[in-house]
Amino acid sequence: MWCFKFSGANLVNIAVTSNIYPRFPNRYMKTCLIGEGMSAVIGDILQIGMVSIFDDITISSLIYFGFGSFLIAVTMALTYYVSKTPYFQ
């Protein structure tokens, strides 16, 4: 049953991005798409690194959570900073 929910979420994501993204400038689009792709790669590398370095799943998951929280905080700070630039406005 979960695969249908996951497929539905992907369908909504594809439909929204294919209808909204063409309305933005190419430079903005390129930045968004690179960011989306790199976030998946960074998350996967981080997960593989945590599993391969630490034997204890509790320590591994806490460090993974800490890195994830740090990345979210950095993203929020960068979003605030970028929103003040002339490029964003």
N, C-alpha and C. Protein backbone atom coordinates (compact mmCIF):
# COMPACT_ATOMS: atom_id res chain seq x y z
N MET A 1 0.82 -1.20 0.00
CA MET A 1 0.00 0.00 0.00
C MET A 1 0.86 1.26 0.00
N TRP A 2 2.02 1.21 0.67
CA TRP A 2 2.87 2.39 0.74
C TRP A 2 3.40 2.79 -0.63
N CYS A 3 3.55 1.82 -1.53
CA CYS A 3 4.09 2.14 -2.86
C CYS A 3 3.11 3.02 -3.63
N PHE A 4 1.81 2.87 -3.40
CA PHE A 4 0.84 3.72 -4.09
C PHE A 4 0.91 5.15 -3.57
N LYS A 5 1.11 5.31 -2.26
CA LYS A 5 1.24 6.65 -1.70
C LYS A 5 2.50 7.30 -2.21
N PHE A 6 3.59 6.55 -2.27
CA PHE A 6 4.86 7.08 -2.76
C PHE A 6 4.74 7.47 -4.22
N SER A 7 4.10 6.64 -5.02
CA SER A 7 3.91 6.94 -6.43
C SER A 7 3.02 8.15 -6.62
N GLY A 8 2.00 8.28 -5.78
CA GLY A 8 1.12 9.44 -5.85
C GLY A 8 1.86 10.73 -5.50
N ALA A 9 2.73 10.66 -4.50
CA ALA A 9 3.50 11.84 -4.12
C ALA A 9 4.47 12.22 -5.24
N ASN A 10 5.09 11.24 -5.87
CA ASN A 10 5.97 11.53 -7.00
C ASN A 10 5.20 12.13 -8.16
N LEU A 11 4.00 11.63 -8.41
CA LEU A 11 3.18 12.15 -9.49
C LEU A 11 2.83 13.61 -9.24
N VAL A 12 2.45 13.94 -8.01
CA VAL A 12 2.14 15.33 -7.68
C VAL A 12 3.38 16.21 -7.82
N ASN A 13 4.52 15.72 -7.35
CA ASN A 13 5.77 16.48 -7.46
C ASN A 13 6.11 16.75 -8.92
N ILE A 14 6.02 15.75 -9.76
CA ILE A 14 6.34 15.92 -11.18
C ILE A 14 5.36 16.87 -11.85
N ALA A 15 4.09 16.74 -11.53
CA ALA A 15 3.08 17.60 -12.14
C ALA A 15 3.29 19.06 -11.74
N VAL A 16 3.57 19.29 -10.48
CA VAL A 16 3.75 20.66 -10.01
C VAL A 16 5.02 21.26 -10.59
N THR A 17 6.12 20.51 -10.53
CA THR A 17 7.37 21.08 -11.04
C THR A 17 7.35 21.28 -12.55
N SER A 18 6.70 20.41 -13.27
CA SER A 18 6.68 20.59 -14.73
C SER A 18 5.77 21.74 -15.13
N ASN A 19 4.82 22.12 -14.29
CA ASN A 19 3.95 23.26 -14.61
C ASN A 19 4.47 24.58 -14.06
N ILE A 20 5.19 24.54 -12.96
CA ILE A 20 5.66 25.78 -12.34
C ILE A 20 7.03 26.18 -12.83
N TYR A 21 7.94 25.23 -12.96
CA TYR A 21 9.33 25.56 -13.30
C TYR A 21 9.49 26.30 -14.63
N PRO A 22 8.76 25.98 -15.68
CA PRO A 22 8.98 26.72 -16.93
C PRO A 22 8.67 28.21 -16.84
N ARG A 23 7.99 28.64 -15.82
CA ARG A 23 7.64 30.05 -15.68
C ARG A 23 8.78 30.88 -15.09
N PHE A 24 9.80 30.22 -14.56
CA PHE A 24 10.92 30.93 -13.96
C PHE A 24 12.06 31.07 -14.96
N PRO A 25 12.97 32.02 -14.71
CA PRO A 25 14.13 32.17 -15.62
C PRO A 25 15.03 30.94 -15.59
N ASN A 26 15.77 30.76 -16.68
CA ASN A 26 16.64 29.58 -16.81
C ASN A 26 17.69 29.51 -15.72
N ARG A 27 18.27 30.64 -15.36
CA ARG A 27 19.30 30.65 -14.32
C ARG A 27 18.74 30.18 -12.99
N TYR A 28 17.57 30.62 -12.65
CA TYR A 28 16.93 30.21 -11.41
C TYR A 28 16.60 28.72 -11.45
N MET A 29 16.11 28.27 -12.58
CA MET A 29 15.76 26.86 -12.74
C MET A 29 16.97 25.95 -12.59
N LYS A 30 18.07 26.35 -13.21
CA LYS A 30 19.28 25.56 -13.14
C LYS A 30 19.75 25.42 -11.69
N THR A 31 19.68 26.51 -10.95
CA THR A 31 20.08 26.49 -9.54
C THR A 31 19.18 25.57 -8.73
N CYS A 32 17.89 25.64 -8.95
CA CYS A 32 16.94 24.79 -8.21
C CYS A 32 17.15 23.32 -8.51
N LEU A 33 17.29 22.98 -9.77
CA LEU A 33 17.44 21.59 -10.15
C LEU A 33 18.77 21.00 -9.68
N ILE A 34 19.84 21.78 -9.73
CA ILE A 34 21.12 21.31 -9.21
C ILE A 34 21.03 21.09 -7.71
N GLY A 35 20.37 22.00 -7.01
CA GLY A 35 20.20 21.86 -5.56
C GLY A 35 19.38 20.64 -5.18
N GLU A 36 18.33 20.36 -5.92
CA GLU A 36 17.52 19.18 -5.64
C GLU A 36 18.31 17.89 -5.87
N GLY A 37 19.07 17.87 -6.94
CA GLY A 37 19.86 16.68 -7.24
C GLY A 37 20.98 16.47 -6.23
N MET A 38 21.66 17.54 -5.87
CA MET A 38 22.77 17.42 -4.92
C MET A 38 22.29 17.07 -3.52
N SER A 39 21.10 17.49 -3.14
CA SER A 39 20.60 17.16 -1.80
C SER A 39 20.41 15.66 -1.65
N ALA A 40 19.95 15.01 -2.69
CA ALA A 40 19.79 13.56 -2.63
C ALA A 40 21.14 12.86 -2.56
N VAL A 41 22.10 13.35 -3.33
CA VAL A 41 23.44 12.74 -3.32
C VAL A 41 24.10 12.93 -1.96
N ILE A 42 24.02 14.12 -1.40
CA ILE A 42 24.62 14.39 -0.09
C ILE A 42 23.97 13.53 0.99
N GLY A 43 22.65 13.43 0.96
CA GLY A 43 21.95 12.59 1.94
C GLY A 43 22.35 11.13 1.85
N ASP A 44 22.49 10.62 0.63
CA ASP A 44 22.88 9.22 0.45
C ASP A 44 24.32 8.97 0.90
N ILE A 45 25.22 9.89 0.55
CA ILE A 45 26.61 9.74 0.97
C ILE A 45 26.72 9.80 2.49
N LEU A 46 25.96 10.69 3.09
CA LEU A 46 25.97 10.81 4.55
C LEU A 46 25.46 9.53 5.21
N GLN A 47 24.41 8.96 4.67
CA GLN A 47 23.85 7.73 5.22
C GLN A 47 24.82 6.56 5.07
N ILE A 48 25.41 6.43 3.91
CA ILE A 48 26.38 5.35 3.68
C ILE A 48 27.59 5.52 4.59
N GLY A 49 28.05 6.75 4.75
CA GLY A 49 29.19 7.00 5.62
C GLY A 49 28.90 6.66 7.06
N MET A 50 27.73 7.02 7.54
CA MET A 50 27.40 6.72 8.94
C MET A 50 27.28 5.22 9.18
N VAL A 51 26.70 4.51 8.24
CA VAL A 51 26.53 3.07 8.41
C VAL A 51 27.88 2.35 8.33
N SER A 52 28.76 2.82 7.46
CA SER A 52 30.04 2.13 7.29
C SER A 52 31.06 2.48 8.36
N ILE A 53 30.98 3.64 8.96
CA ILE A 53 31.96 4.05 9.96
C ILE A 53 31.64 3.49 11.34
N PHE A 54 30.37 3.55 11.74
CA PHE A 54 29.99 3.19 13.11
C PHE A 54 29.31 1.83 13.14
N ASP A 55 29.67 1.02 14.13
CA ASP A 55 29.04 -0.28 14.30
C ASP A 55 27.71 -0.18 15.04
N ASP A 56 27.65 0.74 16.00
CA ASP A 56 26.43 0.89 16.81
C ASP A 56 25.42 1.74 16.05
N ILE A 57 24.23 1.21 15.87
CA ILE A 57 23.20 1.91 15.11
C ILE A 57 22.71 3.16 15.84
N THR A 58 22.76 3.14 17.18
CA THR A 58 22.29 4.30 17.94
C THR A 58 23.22 5.49 17.72
N ILE A 59 24.51 5.27 17.83
CA ILE A 59 25.47 6.35 17.61
C ILE A 59 25.41 6.82 16.17
N SER A 60 25.32 5.89 15.25
CA SER A 60 25.24 6.23 13.84
C SER A 60 24.03 7.10 13.55
N SER A 61 22.89 6.72 14.09
CA SER A 61 21.66 7.48 13.82
C SER A 61 21.68 8.85 14.48
N LEU A 62 22.29 8.96 15.66
CA LEU A 62 22.39 10.27 16.32
C LEU A 62 23.30 11.22 15.55
N ILE A 63 24.41 10.72 15.06
CA ILE A 63 25.31 11.56 14.26
C ILE A 63 24.66 11.93 12.93
N TYR A 64 23.97 10.98 12.32
CA TYR A 64 23.26 11.25 11.07
C TYR A 64 22.19 12.33 11.29
N PHE A 65 21.46 12.23 12.39
CA PHE A 65 20.45 13.22 12.72
C PHE A 65 21.10 14.58 12.97
N GLY A 66 22.24 14.58 13.66
CA GLY A 66 22.94 15.84 13.92
C GLY A 66 23.41 16.51 12.65
N PHE A 67 24.00 15.73 11.73
CA PHE A 67 24.41 16.28 10.44
C PHE A 67 23.21 16.79 9.65
N GLY A 68 22.13 16.04 9.68
CA GLY A 68 20.93 16.48 8.97
C GLY A 68 20.38 17.77 9.54
N SER A 69 20.36 17.88 10.86
CA SER A 69 19.89 19.11 11.51
C SER A 69 20.80 20.29 11.17
N PHE A 70 22.11 20.02 11.14
CA PHE A 70 23.06 21.07 10.76
C PHE A 70 22.82 21.53 9.32
N LEU A 71 22.60 20.61 8.42
CA LEU A 71 22.35 20.97 7.02
C LEU A 71 21.05 21.76 6.87
N ILE A 72 20.04 21.41 7.65
CA ILE A 72 18.79 22.17 7.60
C ILE A 72 19.00 23.59 8.12
N ALA A 73 19.77 23.72 9.21
CA ALA A 73 20.06 25.05 9.76
C ALA A 73 20.84 25.90 8.76
N VAL A 74 21.83 25.30 8.10
CA VAL A 74 22.61 26.03 7.08
C VAL A 74 21.70 26.44 5.92
N THR A 75 20.81 25.55 5.51
CA THR A 75 19.89 25.86 4.42
C THR A 75 18.97 27.01 4.79
N MET A 76 18.48 27.00 6.03
CA MET A 76 17.62 28.11 6.48
C MET A 76 18.38 29.42 6.49
N ALA A 77 19.63 29.41 6.97
CA ALA A 77 20.44 30.62 7.00
C ALA A 77 20.72 31.12 5.59
N LEU A 78 21.07 30.22 4.68
CA LEU A 78 21.32 30.61 3.30
C LEU A 78 20.07 31.13 2.61
N THR A 79 18.93 30.53 2.91
CA THR A 79 17.67 31.00 2.34
C THR A 79 17.38 32.43 2.79
N TYR A 80 17.61 32.70 4.08
CA TYR A 80 17.41 34.06 4.59
C TYR A 80 18.37 35.03 3.91
N TYR A 81 19.64 34.63 3.79
CA TYR A 81 20.64 35.49 3.17
C TYR A 81 20.31 35.75 1.69
N VAL A 82 19.96 34.71 0.97
CA VAL A 82 19.67 34.85 -0.46
C VAL A 82 18.42 35.68 -0.69
N SER A 83 17.46 35.61 0.23
CA SER A 83 16.22 36.38 0.04
C SER A 83 16.47 37.87 0.11
N LYS A 84 17.60 38.29 0.65
CA LYS A 84 17.93 39.72 0.74
C LYS A 84 18.74 40.22 -0.45
N THR A 85 19.16 39.33 -1.34
CA THR A 85 19.96 39.75 -2.48
C THR A 85 19.08 40.25 -3.62
N PRO A 86 19.61 41.08 -4.48
CA PRO A 86 18.82 41.57 -5.62
C PRO A 86 18.44 40.48 -6.60
N TYR A 87 19.26 39.41 -6.69
CA TYR A 87 18.95 38.31 -7.61
C TYR A 87 17.64 37.65 -7.24
N PHE A 88 17.40 37.48 -5.97
CA PHE A 88 16.19 36.79 -5.51
C PHE A 88 14.95 37.66 -5.71
N GLN A 89 15.10 38.94 -5.56
CA GLN A 89 13.94 39.82 -5.64
C GLN A 89 13.68 40.18 -7.09
